N, C-alpha and C. Protein backbone atom coordinates (compact mmCIF):
# COMPACT_ATOMS: atom_id res chain seq x y z
N UNK A 1 -10.02 0.90 -5.33
CA UNK A 1 -8.58 0.98 -5.43
C UNK A 1 -8.13 2.26 -4.74
N UNK A 2 -7.14 2.17 -3.89
CA UNK A 2 -6.54 3.33 -3.24
C UNK A 2 -5.04 3.23 -3.47
N UNK A 3 -4.43 4.32 -3.95
CA UNK A 3 -3.01 4.24 -4.27
C UNK A 3 -2.33 5.60 -4.24
N UNK A 4 -1.04 5.56 -4.08
CA UNK A 4 -0.16 6.69 -4.26
C UNK A 4 0.78 6.25 -5.38
N UNK A 5 0.46 6.59 -6.64
CA UNK A 5 1.21 6.04 -7.78
C UNK A 5 2.67 6.47 -7.79
N UNK A 6 3.50 5.70 -8.47
CA UNK A 6 4.94 6.03 -8.55
C UNK A 6 5.16 7.30 -9.37
N UNK A 7 6.06 8.17 -8.90
CA UNK A 7 6.42 9.38 -9.63
C UNK A 7 7.82 9.14 -10.19
N UNK A 8 7.94 9.25 -11.49
CA UNK A 8 9.25 9.02 -12.09
C UNK A 8 9.19 9.43 -13.55
N UNK A 9 10.09 10.27 -14.00
CA UNK A 9 10.10 10.65 -15.41
C UNK A 9 11.49 10.62 -16.03
N UNK A 10 12.44 10.06 -15.34
CA UNK A 10 13.79 9.91 -15.89
C UNK A 10 13.99 8.42 -16.18
N UNK A 11 13.72 8.07 -17.43
CA UNK A 11 13.70 6.67 -17.82
C UNK A 11 15.05 6.17 -18.33
N UNK A 12 15.36 4.93 -17.98
CA UNK A 12 16.48 4.28 -18.63
C UNK A 12 16.00 3.88 -20.02
N UNK A 13 16.88 3.49 -20.93
CA UNK A 13 16.47 3.19 -22.31
C UNK A 13 15.38 2.11 -22.43
N UNK A 14 15.41 1.10 -21.59
CA UNK A 14 14.42 0.03 -21.66
C UNK A 14 13.04 0.55 -21.24
N UNK A 15 12.98 1.27 -20.13
CA UNK A 15 11.71 1.82 -19.67
C UNK A 15 11.18 2.87 -20.63
N UNK A 16 12.06 3.68 -21.19
CA UNK A 16 11.64 4.70 -22.15
C UNK A 16 10.98 4.05 -23.36
N UNK A 17 11.57 3.01 -23.89
CA UNK A 17 11.01 2.31 -25.05
C UNK A 17 9.66 1.67 -24.68
N UNK A 18 9.58 1.07 -23.51
CA UNK A 18 8.34 0.46 -23.03
C UNK A 18 7.23 1.50 -22.91
N UNK A 19 7.54 2.66 -22.32
CA UNK A 19 6.54 3.71 -22.15
C UNK A 19 6.08 4.26 -23.49
N UNK A 20 7.00 4.47 -24.42
CA UNK A 20 6.64 5.00 -25.73
C UNK A 20 5.77 4.01 -26.50
N UNK A 21 6.03 2.73 -26.34
CA UNK A 21 5.26 1.71 -27.05
C UNK A 21 3.88 1.50 -26.43
N UNK A 22 3.81 1.42 -25.12
CA UNK A 22 2.58 1.02 -24.44
C UNK A 22 1.74 2.17 -23.89
N UNK A 23 2.35 3.31 -23.65
CA UNK A 23 1.64 4.43 -23.04
C UNK A 23 1.97 5.72 -23.77
N UNK A 24 1.73 5.73 -25.06
CA UNK A 24 2.11 6.85 -25.91
C UNK A 24 1.56 8.18 -25.39
N UNK A 25 0.31 8.19 -24.96
CA UNK A 25 -0.32 9.44 -24.52
C UNK A 25 0.00 9.80 -23.07
N UNK A 26 0.51 8.86 -22.30
CA UNK A 26 0.78 9.10 -20.88
C UNK A 26 2.26 8.96 -20.54
N UNK A 27 3.12 8.97 -21.52
CA UNK A 27 4.53 8.62 -21.33
C UNK A 27 5.36 9.66 -20.58
N UNK A 28 4.82 10.84 -20.33
CA UNK A 28 5.65 11.88 -19.72
C UNK A 28 6.06 11.58 -18.29
N UNK A 29 5.30 10.71 -17.60
CA UNK A 29 5.64 10.36 -16.22
C UNK A 29 4.95 9.04 -15.88
N UNK A 30 5.58 8.23 -15.05
CA UNK A 30 4.96 6.96 -14.66
C UNK A 30 3.62 7.16 -13.97
N UNK A 31 3.48 8.20 -13.17
CA UNK A 31 2.21 8.36 -12.45
C UNK A 31 1.05 8.59 -13.41
N UNK A 32 1.29 9.27 -14.53
CA UNK A 32 0.19 9.49 -15.47
C UNK A 32 -0.24 8.19 -16.14
N UNK A 33 0.71 7.33 -16.47
CA UNK A 33 0.35 6.01 -17.02
C UNK A 33 -0.36 5.19 -15.96
N UNK A 34 0.08 5.30 -14.73
CA UNK A 34 -0.53 4.54 -13.64
C UNK A 34 -1.96 5.00 -13.39
N UNK A 35 -2.20 6.33 -13.44
CA UNK A 35 -3.54 6.86 -13.22
C UNK A 35 -4.51 6.27 -14.24
N UNK A 36 -4.11 6.24 -15.49
CA UNK A 36 -5.00 5.73 -16.54
C UNK A 36 -5.09 4.22 -16.50
N UNK A 37 -3.97 3.56 -16.61
CA UNK A 37 -4.00 2.11 -16.79
C UNK A 37 -4.38 1.38 -15.51
N UNK A 38 -3.70 1.64 -14.45
CA UNK A 38 -3.96 0.89 -13.23
C UNK A 38 -5.22 1.34 -12.51
N UNK A 39 -5.41 2.61 -12.39
CA UNK A 39 -6.58 3.09 -11.64
C UNK A 39 -7.87 3.02 -12.45
N UNK A 40 -7.87 3.58 -13.65
CA UNK A 40 -9.10 3.61 -14.42
C UNK A 40 -9.45 2.26 -15.03
N UNK A 41 -8.49 1.64 -15.68
CA UNK A 41 -8.80 0.40 -16.40
C UNK A 41 -9.00 -0.80 -15.48
N UNK A 42 -8.43 -0.80 -14.30
CA UNK A 42 -8.58 -1.94 -13.41
C UNK A 42 -9.72 -1.78 -12.40
N UNK A 43 -10.27 -0.58 -12.30
CA UNK A 43 -11.38 -0.38 -11.38
C UNK A 43 -12.67 -0.82 -12.06
N UNK A 44 -13.46 -1.59 -11.37
CA UNK A 44 -14.71 -2.09 -11.93
C UNK A 44 -15.68 -0.95 -12.15
N UNK A 45 -16.59 -1.12 -13.10
CA UNK A 45 -17.64 -0.13 -13.34
C UNK A 45 -18.43 0.08 -12.05
N UNK A 46 -18.73 1.32 -11.76
CA UNK A 46 -19.38 1.77 -10.53
C UNK A 46 -18.47 1.61 -9.31
N UNK A 47 -17.19 1.34 -9.53
CA UNK A 47 -16.21 1.30 -8.45
C UNK A 47 -15.51 2.65 -8.35
N UNK A 48 -14.66 2.80 -7.36
CA UNK A 48 -13.95 4.05 -7.12
C UNK A 48 -12.45 3.81 -7.14
N UNK A 49 -11.73 4.80 -7.62
CA UNK A 49 -10.28 4.81 -7.55
C UNK A 49 -9.88 6.06 -6.79
N UNK A 50 -9.16 5.93 -5.70
CA UNK A 50 -8.70 7.07 -4.90
C UNK A 50 -7.19 7.18 -5.04
N UNK A 51 -6.72 8.36 -5.39
CA UNK A 51 -5.30 8.55 -5.67
C UNK A 51 -4.75 9.80 -5.02
N UNK A 52 -3.46 9.77 -4.78
CA UNK A 52 -2.69 10.94 -4.37
C UNK A 52 -1.59 11.05 -5.43
N UNK A 53 -1.48 12.19 -6.07
CA UNK A 53 -0.49 12.32 -7.14
C UNK A 53 -0.03 13.76 -7.24
N UNK A 54 1.06 13.98 -7.98
CA UNK A 54 1.42 15.36 -8.28
C UNK A 54 0.24 16.01 -9.01
N UNK A 55 0.01 17.31 -8.80
CA UNK A 55 -1.12 17.92 -9.47
C UNK A 55 -0.78 18.50 -10.84
N UNK A 56 0.41 18.24 -11.33
CA UNK A 56 0.80 18.75 -12.64
C UNK A 56 -0.09 18.23 -13.77
N UNK A 57 -0.70 17.06 -13.60
CA UNK A 57 -1.55 16.50 -14.65
C UNK A 57 -2.74 17.41 -14.93
N UNK A 58 -3.09 18.29 -14.00
CA UNK A 58 -4.25 19.17 -14.19
C UNK A 58 -3.90 20.39 -15.02
N UNK A 59 -2.62 20.72 -15.20
CA UNK A 59 -2.26 22.00 -15.78
C UNK A 59 -1.34 21.96 -16.99
N UNK A 60 -0.35 21.08 -17.01
CA UNK A 60 0.67 21.18 -18.05
C UNK A 60 0.23 20.47 -19.34
N UNK A 61 0.72 20.99 -20.46
CA UNK A 61 0.27 20.51 -21.77
C UNK A 61 0.63 19.05 -22.04
N UNK A 62 1.70 18.55 -21.45
CA UNK A 62 2.08 17.16 -21.71
C UNK A 62 1.07 16.16 -21.15
N UNK A 63 0.15 16.63 -20.31
CA UNK A 63 -0.89 15.77 -19.74
C UNK A 63 -2.28 16.05 -20.31
N UNK A 64 -2.34 16.79 -21.41
CA UNK A 64 -3.65 17.15 -21.97
C UNK A 64 -4.46 15.91 -22.37
N UNK A 65 -3.83 14.95 -23.03
CA UNK A 65 -4.55 13.73 -23.44
C UNK A 65 -5.00 12.93 -22.22
N UNK A 66 -4.21 12.96 -21.16
CA UNK A 66 -4.59 12.29 -19.92
C UNK A 66 -5.86 12.92 -19.34
N UNK A 67 -5.91 14.24 -19.31
CA UNK A 67 -7.11 14.93 -18.80
C UNK A 67 -8.34 14.55 -19.60
N UNK A 68 -8.22 14.55 -20.91
CA UNK A 68 -9.35 14.18 -21.76
C UNK A 68 -9.78 12.74 -21.49
N UNK A 69 -8.81 11.85 -21.35
CA UNK A 69 -9.13 10.45 -21.10
C UNK A 69 -9.88 10.30 -19.78
N UNK A 70 -9.41 10.97 -18.75
CA UNK A 70 -10.07 10.89 -17.45
C UNK A 70 -11.51 11.41 -17.55
N UNK A 71 -11.69 12.56 -18.18
CA UNK A 71 -13.03 13.15 -18.27
C UNK A 71 -13.98 12.33 -19.13
N UNK A 72 -13.45 11.61 -20.10
CA UNK A 72 -14.29 10.78 -20.96
C UNK A 72 -14.63 9.44 -20.33
N UNK A 73 -13.83 8.97 -19.39
CA UNK A 73 -13.99 7.62 -18.87
C UNK A 73 -14.31 7.52 -17.38
N UNK A 74 -14.40 8.63 -16.70
CA UNK A 74 -14.67 8.60 -15.26
C UNK A 74 -15.26 9.93 -14.83
N UNK A 75 -15.77 9.95 -13.63
CA UNK A 75 -16.24 11.18 -13.00
C UNK A 75 -15.33 11.45 -11.80
N UNK A 76 -14.72 12.63 -11.78
CA UNK A 76 -13.94 13.00 -10.61
C UNK A 76 -14.94 13.41 -9.54
N UNK A 77 -15.12 12.55 -8.56
CA UNK A 77 -16.11 12.78 -7.52
C UNK A 77 -15.66 13.82 -6.52
N UNK A 78 -14.37 13.84 -6.22
CA UNK A 78 -13.83 14.79 -5.26
C UNK A 78 -12.36 15.00 -5.58
N UNK A 79 -11.92 16.25 -5.53
CA UNK A 79 -10.52 16.56 -5.80
C UNK A 79 -10.08 17.65 -4.83
N UNK A 80 -8.97 17.44 -4.16
CA UNK A 80 -8.42 18.43 -3.24
C UNK A 80 -6.99 18.73 -3.68
N UNK A 81 -6.73 19.99 -4.02
CA UNK A 81 -5.38 20.40 -4.38
C UNK A 81 -4.73 20.95 -3.12
N UNK A 82 -3.74 20.24 -2.63
CA UNK A 82 -3.08 20.60 -1.38
C UNK A 82 -1.99 21.65 -1.61
N UNK A 83 -1.70 22.40 -0.57
CA UNK A 83 -0.63 23.39 -0.64
C UNK A 83 0.72 22.67 -0.64
N UNK A 84 1.75 23.41 -1.09
CA UNK A 84 3.10 22.87 -1.02
C UNK A 84 3.41 22.46 0.41
N UNK A 85 4.11 21.36 0.58
CA UNK A 85 4.52 20.84 1.88
C UNK A 85 3.34 20.51 2.79
N UNK A 86 2.21 20.15 2.20
CA UNK A 86 1.05 19.74 3.01
C UNK A 86 1.39 18.48 3.82
N UNK A 87 2.23 17.64 3.24
CA UNK A 87 2.77 16.48 3.95
C UNK A 87 4.27 16.65 3.99
N UNK A 88 4.85 16.48 5.14
CA UNK A 88 6.29 16.69 5.29
C UNK A 88 7.10 15.82 4.33
N UNK A 89 6.64 14.59 4.10
CA UNK A 89 7.37 13.66 3.25
C UNK A 89 7.21 13.97 1.76
N UNK A 90 6.19 14.74 1.39
CA UNK A 90 5.93 15.02 -0.03
C UNK A 90 6.89 16.09 -0.53
N UNK A 91 7.65 15.77 -1.55
CA UNK A 91 8.59 16.73 -2.12
C UNK A 91 8.06 17.33 -3.42
N UNK A 92 6.84 16.98 -3.78
CA UNK A 92 6.18 17.56 -4.96
C UNK A 92 4.83 18.09 -4.52
N UNK A 93 4.31 19.11 -5.23
CA UNK A 93 2.96 19.56 -4.91
C UNK A 93 1.98 18.47 -5.31
N UNK A 94 1.05 18.14 -4.43
CA UNK A 94 0.18 17.00 -4.69
C UNK A 94 -1.29 17.37 -4.63
N UNK A 95 -2.08 16.48 -5.17
CA UNK A 95 -3.52 16.57 -5.03
C UNK A 95 -4.01 15.17 -4.66
N UNK A 96 -5.18 15.11 -4.11
CA UNK A 96 -5.79 13.83 -3.80
C UNK A 96 -7.18 13.85 -4.41
N UNK A 97 -7.56 12.75 -5.02
CA UNK A 97 -8.85 12.72 -5.67
C UNK A 97 -9.36 11.30 -5.76
N UNK A 98 -10.65 11.18 -5.95
CA UNK A 98 -11.18 9.87 -6.26
C UNK A 98 -12.14 9.99 -7.41
N UNK A 99 -12.21 8.92 -8.17
CA UNK A 99 -12.98 8.89 -9.40
C UNK A 99 -13.93 7.72 -9.36
N UNK A 100 -15.11 7.94 -9.85
CA UNK A 100 -16.07 6.85 -10.00
C UNK A 100 -16.05 6.44 -11.46
N UNK A 101 -15.92 5.15 -11.67
CA UNK A 101 -15.92 4.62 -13.03
C UNK A 101 -17.36 4.28 -13.35
N UNK A 102 -17.99 5.13 -14.15
CA UNK A 102 -19.41 4.99 -14.41
C UNK A 102 -19.74 5.54 -15.79
N UNK A 103 -20.76 5.02 -16.38
CA UNK A 103 -21.22 5.54 -17.66
C UNK A 103 -22.07 6.79 -17.47
N UNK A 104 -22.59 7.00 -16.28
CA UNK A 104 -23.45 8.12 -15.99
C UNK A 104 -22.61 9.30 -15.49
N UNK A 105 -22.84 10.48 -16.04
CA UNK A 105 -22.12 11.69 -15.61
C UNK A 105 -22.68 12.19 -14.29
N UNK A 106 -21.80 12.42 -13.34
CA UNK A 106 -22.18 12.91 -12.02
C UNK A 106 -21.47 14.22 -11.75
N UNK A 107 -21.98 15.03 -10.84
CA UNK A 107 -21.29 16.24 -10.43
C UNK A 107 -20.30 15.90 -9.32
N UNK A 108 -19.14 16.54 -9.35
CA UNK A 108 -18.15 16.31 -8.32
C UNK A 108 -17.88 17.57 -7.52
N UNK A 109 -16.96 17.46 -6.58
CA UNK A 109 -16.53 18.60 -5.75
C UNK A 109 -15.05 18.80 -5.89
N UNK A 110 -14.63 20.06 -6.05
CA UNK A 110 -13.22 20.37 -6.18
C UNK A 110 -12.87 21.42 -5.13
N UNK A 111 -11.78 21.18 -4.39
CA UNK A 111 -11.33 22.09 -3.35
C UNK A 111 -9.89 22.48 -3.65
N UNK A 112 -9.64 23.77 -3.77
CA UNK A 112 -8.30 24.26 -4.08
C UNK A 112 -7.85 25.17 -2.97
């Protein structure tokens, strides 16, 4: 799976209720729910999920449960934290990473 998940955290009442009900731990932003549900849960075991997303999930407290979920259910094989404006079209600071969905713990590479 390769994706650039949707970034959105200003919910209308219907979406807010849906996120609170279905993605309690990832509700702070659509991309965090997408990283867990679409990338991790839909990728086959021993498959890879490659994503480009805001890098806030690595640092802010509202994404702490997301970080734990990722570390418990996947191996981050490679992660690159890009500088601001690394892509002209990107209006948020982003990172790109891919994860292997595996029961075996592997070492990864991180570039900042």
